Amino acid sequence: IGLLFASCKVSYSLRDVSIPANVKTV
């Protein structure tokens, strides 16, 4: 299950903010 989640493209969400996990800088 851990491998399955690690291979997925996961984005994080904070207060209705959606940013892909690979985006780090602005």
mmCIF file of all heavy atoms, coordinates in Angstrom:
data_MODEL
# 
_entry.id   MODEL 
# 
loop_
_atom_site.group_PDB 
_atom_site.id 
_atom_site.type_symbol 
_atom_site.label_atom_id 
_atom_site.label_alt_id 
_atom_site.label_comp_id 
_atom_site.label_asym_id 
_atom_site.label_entity_id 
_atom_site.label_seq_id 
_atom_site.pdbx_PDB_ins_code 
_atom_site.Cartn_x 
_atom_site.Cartn_y 
_atom_site.Cartn_z 
_atom_site.occupancy 
_atom_site.B_iso_or_equiv 
_atom_site.pdbx_formal_charge 
_atom_site.auth_seq_id 
_atom_site.auth_comp_id 
_atom_site.auth_asym_id 
_atom_site.auth_atom_id 
_atom_site.pdbx_PDB_model_num 
ATOM 1   N N   . ILE A 1 1  ? 0.847   -1.210 0.000   1.00 0.00 ? 1  ILE A N   1 
ATOM 2   C CA  . ILE A 1 1  ? 0.000   0.000  0.000   1.00 0.00 ? 1  ILE A CA  1 
ATOM 3   C C   . ILE A 1 1  ? 0.872   1.246  0.000   1.00 0.00 ? 1  ILE A C   1 
ATOM 4   O O   . ILE A 1 1  ? 0.607   2.209  -0.711  1.00 0.00 ? 1  ILE A O   1 
ATOM 5   C CB  . ILE A 1 1  ? -0.968  -0.018 1.208   1.00 0.00 ? 1  ILE A CB  1 
ATOM 6   C CG1 . ILE A 1 1  ? -2.023  -1.099 1.003   1.00 0.00 ? 1  ILE A CG1 1 
ATOM 7   C CG2 . ILE A 1 1  ? -1.626  1.350  1.398   1.00 0.00 ? 1  ILE A CG2 1 
ATOM 8   C CD1 . ILE A 1 1  ? -2.893  -1.365 2.210   1.00 0.00 ? 1  ILE A CD1 1 
ATOM 9   N N   . GLY A 1 2  ? 1.959   1.219  0.789   1.00 0.00 ? 2  GLY A N   1 
ATOM 10  C CA  . GLY A 1 2  ? 2.891   2.343  0.801   1.00 0.00 ? 2  GLY A CA  1 
ATOM 11  C C   . GLY A 1 2  ? 3.513   2.581  -0.553  1.00 0.00 ? 2  GLY A C   1 
ATOM 12  O O   . GLY A 1 2  ? 3.649   3.716  -1.004  1.00 0.00 ? 2  GLY A O   1 
ATOM 13  N N   . LEU A 1 3  ? 3.908   1.510  -1.226  1.00 0.00 ? 3  LEU A N   1 
ATOM 14  C CA  . LEU A 1 3  ? 4.460   1.632  -2.575  1.00 0.00 ? 3  LEU A CA  1 
ATOM 15  C C   . LEU A 1 3  ? 3.440   2.209  -3.544  1.00 0.00 ? 3  LEU A C   1 
ATOM 16  O O   . LEU A 1 3  ? 3.770   3.034  -4.392  1.00 0.00 ? 3  LEU A O   1 
ATOM 17  C CB  . LEU A 1 3  ? 4.907   0.256  -3.090  1.00 0.00 ? 3  LEU A CB  1 
ATOM 18  C CG  . LEU A 1 3  ? 6.348   -0.138 -2.827  1.00 0.00 ? 3  LEU A CG  1 
ATOM 19  C CD1 . LEU A 1 3  ? 6.609   -1.548 -3.340  1.00 0.00 ? 3  LEU A CD1 1 
ATOM 20  C CD2 . LEU A 1 3  ? 7.299   0.818  -3.456  1.00 0.00 ? 3  LEU A CD2 1 
ATOM 21  N N   . LEU A 1 4  ? 2.220   1.750  -3.418  1.00 0.00 ? 4  LEU A N   1 
ATOM 22  C CA  . LEU A 1 4  ? 1.150   2.222  -4.297  1.00 0.00 ? 4  LEU A CA  1 
ATOM 23  C C   . LEU A 1 4  ? 0.969   3.734  -4.156  1.00 0.00 ? 4  LEU A C   1 
ATOM 24  O O   . LEU A 1 4  ? 0.912   4.459  -5.140  1.00 0.00 ? 4  LEU A O   1 
ATOM 25  C CB  . LEU A 1 4  ? -0.159  1.496  -3.963  1.00 0.00 ? 4  LEU A CB  1 
ATOM 26  C CG  . LEU A 1 4  ? -1.363  1.808  -4.839  1.00 0.00 ? 4  LEU A CG  1 
ATOM 27  C CD1 . LEU A 1 4  ? -1.099  1.359  -6.271  1.00 0.00 ? 4  LEU A CD1 1 
ATOM 28  C CD2 . LEU A 1 4  ? -2.592  1.117  -4.296  1.00 0.00 ? 4  LEU A CD2 1 
ATOM 29  N N   . PHE A 1 5  ? 0.919   4.218  -2.909  1.00 0.00 ? 5  PHE A N   1 
ATOM 30  C CA  . PHE A 1 5  ? 0.758   5.656  -2.693  1.00 0.00 ? 5  PHE A CA  1 
ATOM 31  C C   . PHE A 1 5  ? 1.991   6.444  -3.113  1.00 0.00 ? 5  PHE A C   1 
ATOM 32  O O   . PHE A 1 5  ? 1.888   7.553  -3.600  1.00 0.00 ? 5  PHE A O   1 
ATOM 33  C CB  . PHE A 1 5  ? 0.412   5.964  -1.238  1.00 0.00 ? 5  PHE A CB  1 
ATOM 34  C CG  . PHE A 1 5  ? -1.021  5.691  -0.903  1.00 0.00 ? 5  PHE A CG  1 
ATOM 35  C CD1 . PHE A 1 5  ? -1.348  4.711  0.022   1.00 0.00 ? 5  PHE A CD1 1 
ATOM 36  C CD2 . PHE A 1 5  ? -2.032  6.407  -1.504  1.00 0.00 ? 5  PHE A CD2 1 
ATOM 37  C CE1 . PHE A 1 5  ? -2.660  4.460  0.327   1.00 0.00 ? 5  PHE A CE1 1 
ATOM 38  C CE2 . PHE A 1 5  ? -3.354  6.153  -1.207  1.00 0.00 ? 5  PHE A CE2 1 
ATOM 39  C CZ  . PHE A 1 5  ? -3.675  5.171  -0.285  1.00 0.00 ? 5  PHE A CZ  1 
ATOM 40  N N   . ALA A 1 6  ? 3.172   5.880  -2.924  1.00 0.00 ? 6  ALA A N   1 
ATOM 41  C CA  . ALA A 1 6  ? 4.402   6.574  -3.288  1.00 0.00 ? 6  ALA A CA  1 
ATOM 42  C C   . ALA A 1 6  ? 4.527   6.756  -4.787  1.00 0.00 ? 6  ALA A C   1 
ATOM 43  O O   . ALA A 1 6  ? 5.117   7.716  -5.265  1.00 0.00 ? 6  ALA A O   1 
ATOM 44  C CB  . ALA A 1 6  ? 5.617   5.813  -2.749  1.00 0.00 ? 6  ALA A CB  1 
ATOM 45  N N   . SER A 1 7  ? 3.937   5.849  -5.564  1.00 0.00 ? 7  SER A N   1 
ATOM 46  C CA  . SER A 1 7  ? 4.045   5.949  -7.013  1.00 0.00 ? 7  SER A CA  1 
ATOM 47  C C   . SER A 1 7  ? 2.989   6.852  -7.632  1.00 0.00 ? 7  SER A C   1 
ATOM 48  O O   . SER A 1 7  ? 3.070   7.197  -8.797  1.00 0.00 ? 7  SER A O   1 
ATOM 49  C CB  . SER A 1 7  ? 3.972   4.547  -7.640  1.00 0.00 ? 7  SER A CB  1 
ATOM 50  O OG  . SER A 1 7  ? 2.682   4.007  -7.426  1.00 0.00 ? 7  SER A OG  1 
ATOM 51  N N   . CYS A 1 8  ? 1.989   7.221  -6.850  1.00 0.00 ? 8  CYS A N   1 
ATOM 52  C CA  . CYS A 1 8  ? 0.931   8.097  -7.367  1.00 0.00 ? 8  CYS A CA  1 
ATOM 53  C C   . CYS A 1 8  ? 1.410   9.542  -7.382  1.00 0.00 ? 8  CYS A C   1 
ATOM 54  O O   . CYS A 1 8  ? 2.244   9.951  -6.584  1.00 0.00 ? 8  CYS A O   1 
ATOM 55  C CB  . CYS A 1 8  ? -0.320  8.023  -6.486  1.00 0.00 ? 8  CYS A CB  1 
ATOM 56  S SG  . CYS A 1 8  ? -1.142  6.435  -6.528  1.00 0.00 ? 8  CYS A SG  1 
ATOM 57  N N   . LYS A 1 9  ? 0.852   10.321 -8.312  1.00 0.00 ? 9  LYS A N   1 
ATOM 58  C CA  . LYS A 1 9  ? 1.130   11.755 -8.333  1.00 0.00 ? 9  LYS A CA  1 
ATOM 59  C C   . LYS A 1 9  ? 0.202   12.395 -7.308  1.00 0.00 ? 9  LYS A C   1 
ATOM 60  O O   . LYS A 1 9  ? -0.995  12.512 -7.524  1.00 0.00 ? 9  LYS A O   1 
ATOM 61  C CB  . LYS A 1 9  ? 0.872   12.323 -9.727  1.00 0.00 ? 9  LYS A CB  1 
ATOM 62  C CG  . LYS A 1 9  ? 1.208   13.787 -9.830  1.00 0.00 ? 9  LYS A CG  1 
ATOM 63  C CD  . LYS A 1 9  ? 0.978   14.314 -11.227 1.00 0.00 ? 9  LYS A CD  1 
ATOM 64  C CE  . LYS A 1 9  ? 1.304   15.779 -11.278 1.00 0.00 ? 9  LYS A CE  1 
ATOM 65  N NZ  . LYS A 1 9  ? 1.014   16.348 -12.578 1.00 0.00 ? 9  LYS A NZ  1 
ATOM 66  N N   . VAL A 1 10 ? 0.762   12.804 -6.195  1.00 0.00 ? 10 VAL A N   1 
ATOM 67  C CA  . VAL A 1 10 ? -0.025  13.331 -5.094  1.00 0.00 ? 10 VAL A CA  1 
ATOM 68  C C   . VAL A 1 10 ? 0.159   14.838 -5.040  1.00 0.00 ? 10 VAL A C   1 
ATOM 69  O O   . VAL A 1 10 ? 1.263   15.349 -5.191  1.00 0.00 ? 10 VAL A O   1 
ATOM 70  C CB  . VAL A 1 10 ? 0.430   12.694 -3.750  1.00 0.00 ? 10 VAL A CB  1 
ATOM 71  C CG1 . VAL A 1 10 ? -0.349  13.286 -2.594  1.00 0.00 ? 10 VAL A CG1 1 
ATOM 72  C CG2 . VAL A 1 10 ? 0.268   11.193 -3.792  1.00 0.00 ? 10 VAL A CG2 1 
ATOM 73  N N   . SER A 1 11 ? -0.927  15.553 -4.836  1.00 0.00 ? 11 SER A N   1 
ATOM 74  C CA  . SER A 1 11 ? -0.822  16.982 -4.604  1.00 0.00 ? 11 SER A CA  1 
ATOM 75  C C   . SER A 1 11 ? -1.291  17.238 -3.189  1.00 0.00 ? 11 SER A C   1 
ATOM 76  O O   . SER A 1 11 ? -2.015  16.429 -2.613  1.00 0.00 ? 11 SER A O   1 
ATOM 77  C CB  . SER A 1 11 ? -1.671  17.760 -5.612  1.00 0.00 ? 11 SER A CB  1 
ATOM 78  O OG  . SER A 1 11 ? -3.015  17.434 -5.470  1.00 0.00 ? 11 SER A OG  1 
ATOM 79  N N   . TYR A 1 12 ? -0.864  18.354 -2.626  1.00 0.00 ? 12 TYR A N   1 
ATOM 80  C CA  . TYR A 1 12 ? -1.308  18.652 -1.285  1.00 0.00 ? 12 TYR A CA  1 
ATOM 81  C C   . TYR A 1 12 ? -2.350  19.748 -1.339  1.00 0.00 ? 12 TYR A C   1 
ATOM 82  O O   . TYR A 1 12 ? -2.409  20.537 -2.266  1.00 0.00 ? 12 TYR A O   1 
ATOM 83  C CB  . TYR A 1 12 ? -0.137  19.009 -0.366  1.00 0.00 ? 12 TYR A CB  1 
ATOM 84  C CG  . TYR A 1 12 ? 0.566   20.307 -0.668  1.00 0.00 ? 12 TYR A CG  1 
ATOM 85  C CD1 . TYR A 1 12 ? 0.116   21.499 -0.117  1.00 0.00 ? 12 TYR A CD1 1 
ATOM 86  C CD2 . TYR A 1 12 ? 1.682   20.350 -1.480  1.00 0.00 ? 12 TYR A CD2 1 
ATOM 87  C CE1 . TYR A 1 12 ? 0.759   22.692 -0.371  1.00 0.00 ? 12 TYR A CE1 1 
ATOM 88  C CE2 . TYR A 1 12 ? 2.335   21.531 -1.735  1.00 0.00 ? 12 TYR A CE2 1 
ATOM 89  C CZ  . TYR A 1 12 ? 1.865   22.699 -1.179  1.00 0.00 ? 12 TYR A CZ  1 
ATOM 90  O OH  . TYR A 1 12 ? 2.510   23.883 -1.425  1.00 0.00 ? 12 TYR A OH  1 
ATOM 91  N N   . SER A 1 13 ? -3.162  19.782 -0.321  1.00 0.00 ? 13 SER A N   1 
ATOM 92  C CA  . SER A 1 13 ? -4.218  20.776 -0.269  1.00 0.00 ? 13 SER A CA  1 
ATOM 93  C C   . SER A 1 13 ? -4.210  21.417 1.107   1.00 0.00 ? 13 SER A C   1 
ATOM 94  O O   . SER A 1 13 ? -4.096  20.736 2.113   1.00 0.00 ? 13 SER A O   1 
ATOM 95  C CB  . SER A 1 13 ? -5.575  20.104 -0.531  1.00 0.00 ? 13 SER A CB  1 
ATOM 96  O OG  . SER A 1 13 ? -6.597  21.054 -0.506  1.00 0.00 ? 13 SER A OG  1 
ATOM 97  N N   . LEU A 1 14 ? -4.292  22.730 1.136   1.00 0.00 ? 14 LEU A N   1 
ATOM 98  C CA  . LEU A 1 14 ? -4.277  23.485 2.368   1.00 0.00 ? 14 LEU A CA  1 
ATOM 99  C C   . LEU A 1 14 ? -5.249  24.642 2.190   1.00 0.00 ? 14 LEU A C   1 
ATOM 100 O O   . LEU A 1 14 ? -5.062  25.495 1.325   1.00 0.00 ? 14 LEU A O   1 
ATOM 101 C CB  . LEU A 1 14 ? -2.858  24.010 2.629   1.00 0.00 ? 14 LEU A CB  1 
ATOM 102 C CG  . LEU A 1 14 ? -2.612  24.885 3.838   1.00 0.00 ? 14 LEU A CG  1 
ATOM 103 C CD1 . LEU A 1 14 ? -2.806  24.068 5.112   1.00 0.00 ? 14 LEU A CD1 1 
ATOM 104 C CD2 . LEU A 1 14 ? -1.209  25.450 3.800   1.00 0.00 ? 14 LEU A CD2 1 
ATOM 105 N N   . ARG A 1 15 ? -6.331  24.645 2.959   1.00 0.00 ? 15 ARG A N   1 
ATOM 106 C CA  . ARG A 1 15 ? -7.338  25.708 2.854   1.00 0.00 ? 15 ARG A CA  1 
ATOM 107 C C   . ARG A 1 15 ? -7.832  25.869 1.423   1.00 0.00 ? 15 ARG A C   1 
ATOM 108 O O   . ARG A 1 15 ? -7.777  26.946 0.836   1.00 0.00 ? 15 ARG A O   1 
ATOM 109 C CB  . ARG A 1 15 ? -6.774  27.032 3.353   1.00 0.00 ? 15 ARG A CB  1 
ATOM 110 C CG  . ARG A 1 15 ? -6.421  27.036 4.808   1.00 0.00 ? 15 ARG A CG  1 
ATOM 111 C CD  . ARG A 1 15 ? -5.976  28.415 5.212   1.00 0.00 ? 15 ARG A CD  1 
ATOM 112 N NE  . ARG A 1 15 ? -5.322  28.342 6.503   1.00 0.00 ? 15 ARG A NE  1 
ATOM 113 C CZ  . ARG A 1 15 ? -4.470  29.230 6.952   1.00 0.00 ? 15 ARG A CZ  1 
ATOM 114 N NH1 . ARG A 1 15 ? -4.156  30.263 6.229   1.00 0.00 ? 15 ARG A NH1 1 
ATOM 115 N NH2 . ARG A 1 15 ? -3.927  29.101 8.118   1.00 0.00 ? 15 ARG A NH2 1 
ATOM 116 N N   . ASP A 1 16 ? -8.254  24.794 0.823   1.00 0.00 ? 16 ASP A N   1 
ATOM 117 C CA  . ASP A 1 16 ? -8.763  24.800 -0.550  1.00 0.00 ? 16 ASP A CA  1 
ATOM 118 C C   . ASP A 1 16 ? -7.708  25.176 -1.582  1.00 0.00 ? 16 ASP A C   1 
ATOM 119 O O   . ASP A 1 16 ? -8.017  25.644 -2.661  1.00 0.00 ? 16 ASP A O   1 
ATOM 120 C CB  . ASP A 1 16 ? -9.974  25.735 -0.693  1.00 0.00 ? 16 ASP A CB  1 
ATOM 121 C CG  . ASP A 1 16 ? -11.154 25.270 0.140   1.00 0.00 ? 16 ASP A CG  1 
ATOM 122 O OD1 . ASP A 1 16 ? -11.324 24.049 0.283   1.00 0.00 ? 16 ASP A OD1 1 
ATOM 123 O OD2 . ASP A 1 16 ? -11.895 26.120 0.643   1.00 0.00 ? 16 ASP A OD2 1 
ATOM 124 N N   . VAL A 1 17 ? -6.445  25.009 -1.234  1.00 0.00 ? 17 VAL A N   1 
ATOM 125 C CA  . VAL A 1 17 ? -5.342  25.274 -2.142  1.00 0.00 ? 17 VAL A CA  1 
ATOM 126 C C   . VAL A 1 17 ? -4.878  23.945 -2.691  1.00 0.00 ? 17 VAL A C   1 
ATOM 127 O O   . VAL A 1 17 ? -4.655  23.008 -1.946  1.00 0.00 ? 17 VAL A O   1 
ATOM 128 C CB  . VAL A 1 17 ? -4.181  25.987 -1.410  1.00 0.00 ? 17 VAL A CB  1 
ATOM 129 C CG1 . VAL A 1 17 ? -2.978  26.128 -2.312  1.00 0.00 ? 17 VAL A CG1 1 
ATOM 130 C CG2 . VAL A 1 17 ? -4.632  27.347 -0.906  1.00 0.00 ? 17 VAL A CG2 1 
ATOM 131 N N   . SER A 1 18 ? -4.746  23.880 -4.005  1.00 0.00 ? 18 SER A N   1 
ATOM 132 C CA  . SER A 1 18 ? -4.318  22.640 -4.631  1.00 0.00 ? 18 SER A CA  1 
ATOM 133 C C   . SER A 1 18 ? -3.066  22.901 -5.460  1.00 0.00 ? 18 SER A C   1 
ATOM 134 O O   . SER A 1 18 ? -3.105  23.650 -6.423  1.00 0.00 ? 18 SER A O   1 
ATOM 135 C CB  . SER A 1 18 ? -5.442  22.097 -5.522  1.00 0.00 ? 18 SER A CB  1 
ATOM 136 O OG  . SER A 1 18 ? -5.044  20.895 -6.123  1.00 0.00 ? 18 SER A OG  1 
ATOM 137 N N   . ILE A 1 19 ? -1.968  22.257 -5.042  1.00 0.00 ? 19 ILE A N   1 
ATOM 138 C CA  . ILE A 1 19 ? -0.680  22.444 -5.710  1.00 0.00 ? 19 ILE A CA  1 
ATOM 139 C C   . ILE A 1 19 ? -0.067  21.062 -5.931  1.00 0.00 ? 19 ILE A C   1 
ATOM 140 O O   . ILE A 1 19 ? 0.036   20.282 -4.984  1.00 0.00 ? 19 ILE A O   1 
ATOM 141 C CB  . ILE A 1 19 ? 0.262   23.312 -4.859  1.00 0.00 ? 19 ILE A CB  1 
ATOM 142 C CG1 . ILE A 1 19 ? -0.365  24.687 -4.615  1.00 0.00 ? 19 ILE A CG1 1 
ATOM 143 C CG2 . ILE A 1 19 ? 1.622   23.441 -5.529  1.00 0.00 ? 19 ILE A CG2 1 
ATOM 144 C CD1 . ILE A 1 19 ? 0.378   25.546 -3.624  1.00 0.00 ? 19 ILE A CD1 1 
ATOM 145 N N   . PRO A 1 20 ? 0.340   20.756 -7.156  1.00 0.00 ? 20 PRO A N   1 
ATOM 146 C CA  . PRO A 1 20 ? 0.994   19.464 -7.393  1.00 0.00 ? 20 PRO A CA  1 
ATOM 147 C C   . PRO A 1 20 ? 2.230   19.305 -6.502  1.00 0.00 ? 20 PRO A C   1 
ATOM 148 O O   . PRO A 1 20 ? 2.930   20.275 -6.210  1.00 0.00 ? 20 PRO A O   1 
ATOM 149 C CB  . PRO A 1 20 ? 1.386   19.523 -8.868  1.00 0.00 ? 20 PRO A CB  1 
ATOM 150 C CG  . PRO A 1 20 ? 0.465   20.537 -9.469  1.00 0.00 ? 20 PRO A CG  1 
ATOM 151 C CD  . PRO A 1 20 ? 0.203   21.534 -8.376  1.00 0.00 ? 20 PRO A CD  1 
ATOM 152 N N   . ALA A 1 21 ? 2.503   18.080 -6.095  1.00 0.00 ? 21 ALA A N   1 
ATOM 153 C CA  . ALA A 1 21 ? 3.600   17.801 -5.168  1.00 0.00 ? 21 ALA A CA  1 
ATOM 154 C C   . ALA A 1 21 ? 4.965   18.171 -5.734  1.00 0.00 ? 21 ALA A C   1 
ATOM 155 O O   . ALA A 1 21 ? 5.883   18.495 -4.978  1.00 0.00 ? 21 ALA A O   1 
ATOM 156 C CB  . ALA A 1 21 ? 3.582   16.329 -4.773  1.00 0.00 ? 21 ALA A CB  1 
ATOM 157 N N   . ASN A 1 22 ? 5.119   18.167 -7.055  1.00 0.00 ? 22 ASN A N   1 
ATOM 158 C CA  . ASN A 1 22 ? 6.430   18.477 -7.647  1.00 0.00 ? 22 ASN A CA  1 
ATOM 159 C C   . ASN A 1 22 ? 6.701   19.984 -7.731  1.00 0.00 ? 22 ASN A C   1 
ATOM 160 O O   . ASN A 1 22 ? 7.803   20.389 -8.070  1.00 0.00 ? 22 ASN A O   1 
ATOM 161 C CB  . ASN A 1 22 ? 6.567   17.836 -9.028  1.00 0.00 ? 22 ASN A CB  1 
ATOM 162 C CG  . ASN A 1 22 ? 5.536   18.339 -10.019 1.00 0.00 ? 22 ASN A CG  1 
ATOM 163 O OD1 . ASN A 1 22 ? 4.438   18.757 -9.650  1.00 0.00 ? 22 ASN A OD1 1 
ATOM 164 N ND2 . ASN A 1 22 ? 5.868   18.271 -11.283 1.00 0.00 ? 22 ASN A ND2 1 
ATOM 165 N N   . VAL A 1 23 ? 5.736   20.815 -7.408  1.00 0.00 ? 23 VAL A N   1 
ATOM 166 C CA  . VAL A 1 23 ? 5.922   22.269 -7.428  1.00 0.00 ? 23 VAL A CA  1 
ATOM 167 C C   . VAL A 1 23 ? 6.459   22.698 -6.067  1.00 0.00 ? 23 VAL A C   1 
ATOM 168 O O   . VAL A 1 23 ? 5.827   22.482 -5.040  1.00 0.00 ? 23 VAL A O   1 
ATOM 169 C CB  . VAL A 1 23 ? 4.607   23.007 -7.746  1.00 0.00 ? 23 VAL A CB  1 
ATOM 170 C CG1 . VAL A 1 23 ? 4.801   24.510 -7.670  1.00 0.00 ? 23 VAL A CG1 1 
ATOM 171 C CG2 . VAL A 1 23 ? 4.090   22.601 -9.113  1.00 0.00 ? 23 VAL A CG2 1 
ATOM 172 N N   . LYS A 1 24 ? 7.634   23.311 -6.077  1.00 0.00 ? 24 LYS A N   1 
ATOM 173 C CA  . LYS A 1 24 ? 8.299   23.676 -4.823  1.00 0.00 ? 24 LYS A CA  1 
ATOM 174 C C   . LYS A 1 24 ? 8.575   25.170 -4.676  1.00 0.00 ? 24 LYS A C   1 
ATOM 175 O O   . LYS A 1 24 ? 8.675   25.668 -3.568  1.00 0.00 ? 24 LYS A O   1 
ATOM 176 C CB  . LYS A 1 24 ? 9.649   22.937 -4.700  1.00 0.00 ? 24 LYS A CB  1 
ATOM 177 C CG  . LYS A 1 24 ? 9.566   21.436 -4.828  1.00 0.00 ? 24 LYS A CG  1 
ATOM 178 C CD  . LYS A 1 24 ? 8.891   20.808 -3.653  1.00 0.00 ? 24 LYS A CD  1 
ATOM 179 C CE  . LYS A 1 24 ? 8.926   19.287 -3.799  1.00 0.00 ? 24 LYS A CE  1 
ATOM 180 N NZ  . LYS A 1 24 ? 7.886   18.638 -3.058  1.00 0.00 ? 24 LYS A NZ  1 
ATOM 181 N N   . THR A 1 25 ? 8.739   25.892 -5.791  1.00 0.00 ? 25 THR A N   1 
ATOM 182 C CA  . THR A 1 25 ? 9.167   27.289 -5.713  1.00 0.00 ? 25 THR A CA  1 
ATOM 183 C C   . THR A 1 25 ? 8.233   28.214 -6.488  1.00 0.00 ? 25 THR A C   1 
ATOM 184 O O   . THR A 1 25 ? 7.583   27.803 -7.448  1.00 0.00 ? 25 THR A O   1 
ATOM 185 C CB  . THR A 1 25 ? 10.597  27.460 -6.271  1.00 0.00 ? 25 THR A CB  1 
ATOM 186 O OG1 . THR A 1 25 ? 10.627  27.009 -7.625  1.00 0.00 ? 25 THR A OG1 1 
ATOM 187 C CG2 . THR A 1 25 ? 11.610  26.680 -5.442  1.00 0.00 ? 25 THR A CG2 1 
ATOM 188 N N   . VAL A 1 26 ? 8.204   29.468 -6.061  1.00 0.00 ? 26 VAL A N   1 
ATOM 189 C CA  . VAL A 1 26 ? 7.401   30.480 -6.733  1.00 0.00 ? 26 VAL A CA  1 
ATOM 190 C C   . VAL A 1 26 ? 8.184   31.793 -6.743  1.00 0.00 ? 26 VAL A C   1 
ATOM 191 O O   . VAL A 1 26 ? 8.856   32.134 -5.769  1.00 0.00 ? 26 VAL A O   1 
ATOM 192 C CB  . VAL A 1 26 ? 6.019   30.675 -6.062  1.00 0.00 ? 26 VAL A CB  1 
ATOM 193 C CG1 . VAL A 1 26 ? 6.154   31.148 -4.628  1.00 0.00 ? 26 VAL A CG1 1 
ATOM 194 C CG2 . VAL A 1 26 ? 5.131   31.625 -6.852  1.00 0.00 ? 26 VAL A CG2 1 
# 
